[in-house]
Every structure is written in structure tokens, then in C-alpha cells.
Amino acid sequence: MNTIKFKKQGGAAMVEAVVAVVLLAVGLLGTVAMQARSYAAINDAGMRAEATLAADRLIGIVSNDYDNIDQYVFTAKDKTQPSTALKPWMGETLAAIPGAAVDVAVVRGPTQTQVDITIAWQRRKDDEPNKHVMTTYIMNPKVLP
């Protein structure tokens, strides 16, 4: 009768378990990183939506107050206070987008006026600011037939 002799495999199961744990850890870290990036993207999308709504509201306000359209000009870099006409909208916008920098430019033409609204915000201090720019043309009501 022949007997089969086996060599001892010392620690082979332990090596397989360690490799499995390392692979699981790498997978979990990847999942956590992907979750963090998706949260940042959702946050940016929310800020962009708020900027779009704010710019749209301001266009409606400016369109209804065409005679005083020059009072809506504002540049964030000037560090001046917004005009009385712009102050309520600015307060709402800064509440919805904390730390936003707002620029409103008005270029009058013979029949229409161009209004450029730029709302910028920064998600993190080291990141480039995100910008939302909306340009619209408002017809001079005195020129309409």
C-alpha cells in the first residue's frame, strides 16, 4: 500500500485572506471617493440652479423697471453697496448662494438694452470660482409699436 505524503502549506490561507482584505479595502476606498465626488457635483449643480433662478428673477425685475435700468448696474469688485433697487434681490441671492460675487452690466442701445448678469461662487478656497453668466436683451418699451 502506497501512502501519499503532503507538504505542509504553512500560511497559504492567511495570505489569501490578507489579499482579499486588501482588495476589499481598495474597493471601499474607491466607493467612498466616488461618493464624495458625486456629493460635490450635486452641490455645484444646486448652486448653478440657484444662480440661474436668481438671474432670471433679476431679469424680470429689470424688465418691469426699464426707466430705472441704470440703477441695477453693480460690480462686486467695487465693494460698494448695491442701489436701493438692487438691494432686495442681492440679499435673496447672497442668502441662497453664500459668498457669491455678483456683477450686473447694462449696455443701452437705441432700441434695446443688453443686460449681463454674472454670479460667481467658490466651493472650496483653492478651487477656481464657478461662474454663471446670463445675457438678455430688453426692448425699450418706448420704441415698441
C-alpha atoms as a PDB file:
ATOM      1  CA  MET A   1       0.000   0.000   0.000  1.00  0.00           C
ATOM      2  CA  ASN A   2       1.329   3.359  -1.036  1.00  0.00           C
ATOM      3  CA  THR A   3       0.894   6.343   1.183  1.00  0.00           C
ATOM      4  CA  ILE A   4       0.694   9.839  -0.163  1.00  0.00           C
ATOM      5  CA  LYS A   5       2.797  12.391   1.562  1.00  0.00           C
ATOM      6  CA  PHE A   6       1.682  16.025   1.579  1.00  0.00           C
ATOM      7  CA  LYS A   7       3.877  19.004   2.161  1.00  0.00           C
ATOM      8  CA  LYS A   8       2.588  21.424   4.722  1.00  0.00           C
ATOM      9  CA  GLN A   9       1.337  24.695   3.267  1.00  0.00           C
ATOM     10  CA  GLY A  10       2.018  26.992   6.132  1.00  0.00           C
ATOM     11  CA  GLY A  11       0.026  30.232   5.930  1.00  0.00           C
ATOM     12  CA  ALA A  12      -1.420  29.921   2.402  1.00  0.00           C
ATOM     13  CA  ALA A  13      -4.943  30.520   3.662  1.00  0.00           C
ATOM     14  CA  MET A  14      -3.708  33.531   5.633  1.00  0.00           C
ATOM     15  CA  VAL A  15      -2.107  35.080   2.518  1.00  0.00           C
ATOM     16  CA  GLU A  16      -5.342  34.608   0.564  1.00  0.00           C
ATOM     17  CA  ALA A  17      -7.315  36.250   3.364  1.00  0.00           C
ATOM     18  CA  VAL A  18      -4.946  39.242   3.501  1.00  0.00           C
ATOM     19  CA  VAL A  19      -5.134  39.688  -0.285  1.00  0.00           C
ATOM     20  CA  ALA A  20      -8.934  39.551  -0.104  1.00  0.00           C
ATOM     21  CA  VAL A  21      -8.999  42.169   2.678  1.00  0.00           C
ATOM     22  CA  VAL A  22      -6.664  44.477   0.715  1.00  0.00           C
ATOM     23  CA  LEU A  23      -8.831  44.192  -2.406  1.00  0.00           C
ATOM     24  CA  LEU A  24     -11.954  44.873  -0.372  1.00  0.00           C
ATOM     25  CA  ALA A  25     -10.315  47.936   1.216  1.00  0.00           C
ATOM     26  CA  VAL A  26      -9.295  49.327  -2.178  1.00  0.00           C
ATOM     27  CA  GLY A  27     -12.837  48.819  -3.459  1.00  0.00           C
ATOM     28  CA  LEU A  28     -14.367  50.519  -0.443  1.00  0.00           C
ATOM     29  CA  LEU A  29     -11.972  53.474  -0.716  1.00  0.00           C
ATOM     30  CA  GLY A  30     -12.918  53.854  -4.364  1.00  0.00           C
ATOM     31  CA  THR A  31     -16.596  53.831  -3.447  1.00  0.00           C
ATOM     32  CA  VAL A  32     -16.084  56.473  -0.755  1.00  0.00           C
ATOM     33  CA  ALA A  33     -14.108  58.679  -3.169  1.00  0.00           C
ATOM     34  CA  MET A  34     -16.802  58.340  -5.822  1.00  0.00           C
ATOM     35  CA  GLN A  35     -19.471  59.233  -3.249  1.00  0.00           C
ATOM     36  CA  ALA A  36     -17.540  62.362  -2.221  1.00  0.00           C
ATOM     37  CA  ARG A  37     -17.164  63.479  -5.840  1.00  0.00           C
ATOM     38  CA  SER A  38     -20.858  62.932  -6.522  1.00  0.00           C
ATOM     39  CA  TYR A  39     -21.743  64.995  -3.438  1.00  0.00           C
ATOM     40  CA  ALA A  40     -19.538  67.830  -4.716  1.00  0.00           C
ATOM     41  CA  ALA A  41     -21.167  67.625  -8.158  1.00  0.00           C
ATOM     42  CA  ILE A  42     -24.642  67.741  -6.616  1.00  0.00           C
ATOM     43  CA  ASN A  43     -23.634  70.762  -4.540  1.00  0.00           C
ATOM     44  CA  ASP A  44     -22.288  72.565  -7.625  1.00  0.00           C
ATOM     45  CA  ALA A  45     -25.433  71.741  -9.584  1.00  0.00           C
ATOM     46  CA  GLY A  46     -27.549  73.161  -6.763  1.00  0.00           C
ATOM     47  CA  MET A  47     -25.550  76.391  -6.732  1.00  0.00           C
ATOM     48  CA  ARG A  48     -25.802  76.666 -10.513  1.00  0.00           C
ATOM     49  CA  ALA A  49     -29.581  76.202 -10.307  1.00  0.00           C
ATOM     50  CA  GLU A  50     -29.797  78.905  -7.621  1.00  0.00           C
ATOM     51  CA  ALA A  51     -27.699  81.235  -9.797  1.00  0.00           C
ATOM     52  CA  THR A  52     -29.964  80.587 -12.780  1.00  0.00           C
ATOM     53  CA  LEU A  53     -33.105  81.314 -10.763  1.00  0.00           C
ATOM     54  CA  ALA A  54     -31.567  84.460  -9.260  1.00  0.00           C
ATOM     55  CA  ALA A  55     -30.506  85.808 -12.665  1.00  0.00           C
ATOM     56  CA  ASP A  56     -33.919  85.033 -14.111  1.00  0.00           C
ATOM     57  CA  ARG A  57     -35.621  86.878 -11.229  1.00  0.00           C
ATOM     58  CA  LEU A  58     -33.409  89.911 -11.752  1.00  0.00           C
ATOM     59  CA  ILE A  59     -34.186  89.977 -15.472  1.00  0.00           C
ATOM     60  CA  GLY A  60     -37.888  90.047 -14.610  1.00  0.00           C
ATOM     61  CA  ILE A  61     -37.351  92.891 -12.140  1.00  0.00           C
ATOM     62  CA  VAL A  62     -35.241  94.914 -14.581  1.00  0.00           C
ATOM     63  CA  SER A  63     -37.717  94.363 -17.421  1.00  0.00           C
ATOM     64  CA  ASN A  64     -40.529  95.806 -15.327  1.00  0.00           C
ATOM     65  CA  ASP A  65     -38.444  98.801 -14.216  1.00  0.00           C
ATOM     66  CA  TYR A  66     -36.938  99.763 -17.572  1.00  0.00           C
ATOM     67  CA  ASP A  67     -36.951 103.511 -16.869  1.00  0.00           C
ATOM     68  CA  ASN A  68     -34.582 102.951 -13.902  1.00  0.00           C
ATOM     69  CA  ILE A  69     -32.467 100.252 -15.544  1.00  0.00           C
ATOM     70  CA  ASP A  70     -29.191 102.074 -14.842  1.00  0.00           C
ATOM     71  CA  GLN A  71     -29.777 101.685 -11.084  1.00  0.00           C
ATOM     72  CA  TYR A  72     -29.186  97.934 -11.431  1.00  0.00           C
ATOM     73  CA  VAL A  73     -25.546  98.240 -12.519  1.00  0.00           C
ATOM     74  CA  PHE A  74     -23.278  96.652  -9.922  1.00  0.00           C
ATOM     75  CA  THR A  75     -19.734  95.288  -9.722  1.00  0.00           C
ATOM     76  CA  ALA A  76     -18.677  93.080  -6.842  1.00  0.00           C
ATOM     77  CA  LYS A  77     -15.050  94.283  -7.030  1.00  0.00           C
ATOM     78  CA  ASP A  78     -16.035  97.891  -6.256  1.00  0.00           C
ATOM     79  CA  LYS A  79     -17.003  96.915  -2.670  1.00  0.00           C
ATOM     80  CA  THR A  80     -19.839  99.437  -2.830  1.00  0.00           C
ATOM     81  CA  GLN A  81     -23.354  98.869  -1.601  1.00  0.00           C
ATOM     82  CA  PRO A  82     -25.959  97.918  -4.192  1.00  0.00           C
ATOM     83  CA  SER A  83     -28.545 100.509  -5.112  1.00  0.00           C
ATOM     84  CA  THR A  84     -31.898 100.608  -3.360  1.00  0.00           C
ATOM     85  CA  ALA A  85     -33.491  98.941  -6.378  1.00  0.00           C
ATOM     86  CA  LEU A  86     -30.972  96.078  -6.359  1.00  0.00           C
ATOM     87  CA  LYS A  87     -30.609  95.563  -2.599  1.00  0.00           C
ATOM     88  CA  PRO A  88     -33.602  93.198  -2.001  1.00  0.00           C
ATOM     89  CA  TRP A  89     -32.592  90.924  -4.876  1.00  0.00           C
ATOM     90  CA  MET A  90     -28.962  90.965  -3.736  1.00  0.00           C
ATOM     91  CA  GLY A  91     -29.984  89.934  -0.213  1.00  0.00           C
ATOM     92  CA  GLU A  92     -32.001  86.979  -1.527  1.00  0.00           C
ATOM     93  CA  THR A  93     -29.181  85.925  -3.839  1.00  0.00           C
ATOM     94  CA  LEU A  94     -26.495  86.042  -1.153  1.00  0.00           C
ATOM     95  CA  ALA A  95     -28.767  84.045   1.174  1.00  0.00           C
ATOM     96  CA  ALA A  96     -29.190  81.340  -1.488  1.00  0.00           C
ATOM     97  CA  ILE A  97     -25.540  81.408  -2.645  1.00  0.00           C
ATOM     98  CA  PRO A  98     -23.313  82.317   0.313  1.00  0.00           C
ATOM     99  CA  GLY A  99     -20.211  84.272  -0.662  1.00  0.00           C
ATOM    100  CA  ALA A 100     -21.409  84.922  -4.204  1.00  0.00           C
ATOM    101  CA  ALA A 101     -19.835  87.691  -6.254  1.00  0.00           C
ATOM    102  CA  VAL A 102     -22.369  89.450  -8.464  1.00  0.00           C
ATOM    103  CA  ASP A 103     -21.789  91.693 -11.468  1.00  0.00           C
ATOM    104  CA  VAL A 104     -24.603  93.370 -13.379  1.00  0.00           C
ATOM    105  CA  ALA A 105     -23.718  95.290 -16.531  1.00  0.00           C
ATOM    106  CA  VAL A 106     -26.159  97.347 -18.602  1.00  0.00           C
ATOM    107  CA  VAL A 107     -25.392  98.443 -22.175  1.00  0.00           C
ATOM    108  CA  ARG A 108     -28.036 100.726 -23.634  1.00  0.00           C
ATOM    109  CA  GLY A 109     -28.803 100.660 -27.321  1.00  0.00           C
ATOM    110  CA  PRO A 110     -31.214 102.695 -29.450  1.00  0.00           C
ATOM    111  CA  THR A 111     -33.969 100.072 -29.402  1.00  0.00           C
ATOM    112  CA  GLN A 112     -32.841  97.522 -26.843  1.00  0.00           C
ATOM    113  CA  THR A 113     -30.655  97.225 -23.783  1.00  0.00           C
ATOM    114  CA  GLN A 114     -28.247  94.392 -23.112  1.00  0.00           C
ATOM    115  CA  VAL A 115     -28.139  93.166 -19.513  1.00  0.00           C
ATOM    116  CA  ASP A 116     -25.291  90.851 -18.462  1.00  0.00           C
ATOM    117  CA  ILE A 117     -25.600  89.153 -15.069  1.00  0.00           C
ATOM    118  CA  THR A 118     -22.613  87.231 -13.715  1.00  0.00           C
ATOM    119  CA  ILE A 119     -22.886  85.275 -10.492  1.00  0.00           C
ATOM    120  CA  ALA A 120     -19.701  83.590  -9.253  1.00  0.00           C
ATOM    121  CA  TRP A 121     -19.170  81.336  -6.243  1.00  0.00           C
ATOM    122  CA  GLN A 122     -16.405  79.193  -4.855  1.00  0.00           C
ATOM    123  CA  ARG A 123     -16.988  75.733  -3.456  1.00  0.00           C
ATOM    124  CA  ARG A 124     -13.531  75.420  -1.897  1.00  0.00           C
ATOM    125  CA  LYS A 125     -10.954  78.077  -1.193  1.00  0.00           C
ATOM    126  CA  ASP A 126      -8.322  76.604  -3.522  1.00  0.00           C
ATOM    127  CA  ASP A 127     -10.706  75.934  -6.443  1.00  0.00           C
ATOM    128  CA  GLU A 128     -11.355  78.207  -9.380  1.00  0.00           C
ATOM    129  CA  PRO A 129     -14.636  80.093  -8.931  1.00  0.00           C
ATOM    130  CA  ASN A 130     -17.665  78.746 -10.761  1.00  0.00           C
ATOM    131  CA  LYS A 131     -19.460  81.326 -12.873  1.00  0.00           C
ATOM    132  CA  HIS A 132     -22.931  81.575 -14.241  1.00  0.00           C
ATOM    133  CA  VAL A 133     -23.388  84.268 -16.888  1.00  0.00           C
ATOM    134  CA  MET A 134     -26.753  85.238 -18.296  1.00  0.00           C
ATOM    135  CA  THR A 135     -27.168  87.796 -21.061  1.00  0.00           C
ATOM    136  CA  THR A 136     -30.515  89.120 -22.144  1.00  0.00           C
ATOM    137  CA  TYR A 137     -31.791  91.897 -24.366  1.00  0.00           C
ATOM    138  CA  ILE A 138     -34.682  94.015 -23.203  1.00  0.00           C
ATOM    139  CA  MET A 139     -36.617  96.060 -25.736  1.00  0.00           C
ATOM    140  CA  ASN A 140     -37.117  99.731 -24.980  1.00  0.00           C
ATOM    141  CA  PRO A 141     -40.889  99.994 -24.339  1.00  0.00           C
ATOM    142  CA  LYS A 142     -40.932 103.494 -25.866  1.00  0.00           C
ATOM    143  CA  VAL A 143     -39.758 102.110 -29.210  1.00  0.00           C
ATOM    144  CA  LEU A 144     -42.370  99.344 -29.421  1.00  0.00           C
ATOM    145  CA  PRO A 145     -45.161  99.981 -31.915  1.00  0.00           C
END
